[in-house]
Amino acid sequence: MSDEPKKRSRRWVCWTIALLILYPVSIGPASWLCAHSDSQWAAPIYHTTYMPIDLARTLSPTVDKAFIWYEKLWLPAP
């Protein structure tokens, strides 16, 4: 028996964990890009891409506060 199936499953698990971390963390740079973009395509793509996070923010005030804090790190003060 070879170790190839084990290596593939480990790689799959690593990629899944990386994506689960990178997806929510990417909202900061995406917010910055959306705020600094002059084009009209940025906002609809932003809202479509981060719709699951927006839903979680709607359902949980704690999640909303965390994302507000994180987005403030990327966006200029009003």
Protein backbone atom coordinates (compact mmCIF):
# COMPACT_ATOMS: atom_id res chain seq x y z
CA MET A 1 0.00 0.00 0.00
CA SER A 2 1.25 3.45 -0.83
CA ASP A 3 1.06 6.65 1.18
CA GLU A 4 -0.38 8.58 -1.78
CA PRO A 5 -4.02 8.62 -0.51
CA LYS A 6 -2.85 9.88 2.88
CA LYS A 7 -0.79 12.63 1.27
CA ARG A 8 -3.73 13.72 -0.88
CA SER A 9 -6.10 13.83 2.06
CA ARG A 10 -3.62 15.86 4.12
CA ARG A 11 -3.16 18.29 1.27
CA TRP A 12 -6.94 18.64 0.89
CA VAL A 13 -7.33 19.32 4.61
CA CYS A 14 -4.54 21.94 4.56
CA TRP A 15 -6.10 23.76 1.59
CA THR A 16 -9.53 23.72 3.22
CA ILE A 17 -8.20 25.16 6.45
CA ALA A 18 -6.23 27.81 4.55
CA LEU A 19 -9.31 28.87 2.60
CA LEU A 20 -11.48 28.99 5.73
CA ILE A 21 -8.94 31.38 7.25
CA LEU A 22 -8.16 33.41 4.13
CA TYR A 23 -11.76 34.04 3.08
CA PRO A 24 -12.81 36.07 6.14
CA VAL A 25 -9.41 37.75 6.41
CA SER A 26 -9.63 38.88 2.78
CA ILE A 27 -12.60 41.13 3.57
CA GLY A 28 -10.22 43.84 4.83
CA PRO A 29 -8.23 44.26 1.61
CA ALA A 30 -11.46 43.87 -0.39
CA SER A 31 -13.06 46.70 1.61
CA TRP A 32 -10.03 48.87 0.94
CA LEU A 33 -10.13 48.07 -2.78
CA CYS A 34 -13.85 48.78 -2.95
CA ALA A 35 -13.43 52.11 -1.13
CA HIS A 36 -10.55 53.21 -3.36
CA SER A 37 -11.98 52.00 -6.67
CA ASP A 38 -13.54 54.50 -9.03
CA SER A 39 -15.25 51.82 -11.08
CA GLN A 40 -18.83 50.71 -10.63
CA TRP A 41 -18.07 46.99 -10.76
CA ALA A 42 -16.25 46.78 -7.41
CA ALA A 43 -19.23 47.16 -5.05
CA PRO A 44 -21.48 44.48 -6.63
CA ILE A 45 -18.62 41.97 -6.72
CA TYR A 46 -17.74 42.78 -3.11
CA HIS A 47 -21.32 42.29 -1.91
CA THR A 48 -21.78 39.07 -3.87
CA THR A 49 -18.47 37.58 -2.72
CA TYR A 50 -18.99 38.39 0.94
CA MET A 51 -22.72 37.65 1.16
CA PRO A 52 -22.18 34.72 3.60
CA ILE A 53 -20.18 36.99 5.91
CA ASP A 54 -22.87 39.68 5.65
CA LEU A 55 -25.46 37.09 6.67
CA ALA A 56 -23.37 36.05 9.67
CA ARG A 57 -22.98 39.72 10.59
CA THR A 58 -26.75 40.19 10.43
CA LEU A 59 -27.41 37.19 12.65
CA SER A 60 -24.73 37.85 15.28
CA PRO A 61 -23.88 41.23 16.83
CA THR A 62 -20.56 39.81 18.07
CA VAL A 63 -19.51 38.79 14.57
CA ASP A 64 -20.61 42.19 13.29
CA LYS A 65 -18.50 44.01 15.89
CA ALA A 66 -15.47 41.89 15.05
CA PHE A 67 -15.75 42.62 11.33
CA ILE A 68 -16.38 46.32 11.93
CA TRP A 69 -13.18 46.46 13.99
CA TYR A 70 -11.23 44.55 11.33
CA GLU A 71 -12.53 46.67 8.45
CA LYS A 72 -11.60 49.86 10.32
CA LEU A 73 -7.99 48.70 10.20
CA TRP A 74 -8.14 48.84 6.40
CA LEU A 75 -10.37 51.84 5.78
CA PRO A 76 -9.43 55.48 6.36
CA ALA A 77 -11.12 57.37 9.17
CA PRO A 78 -14.22 59.26 8.02
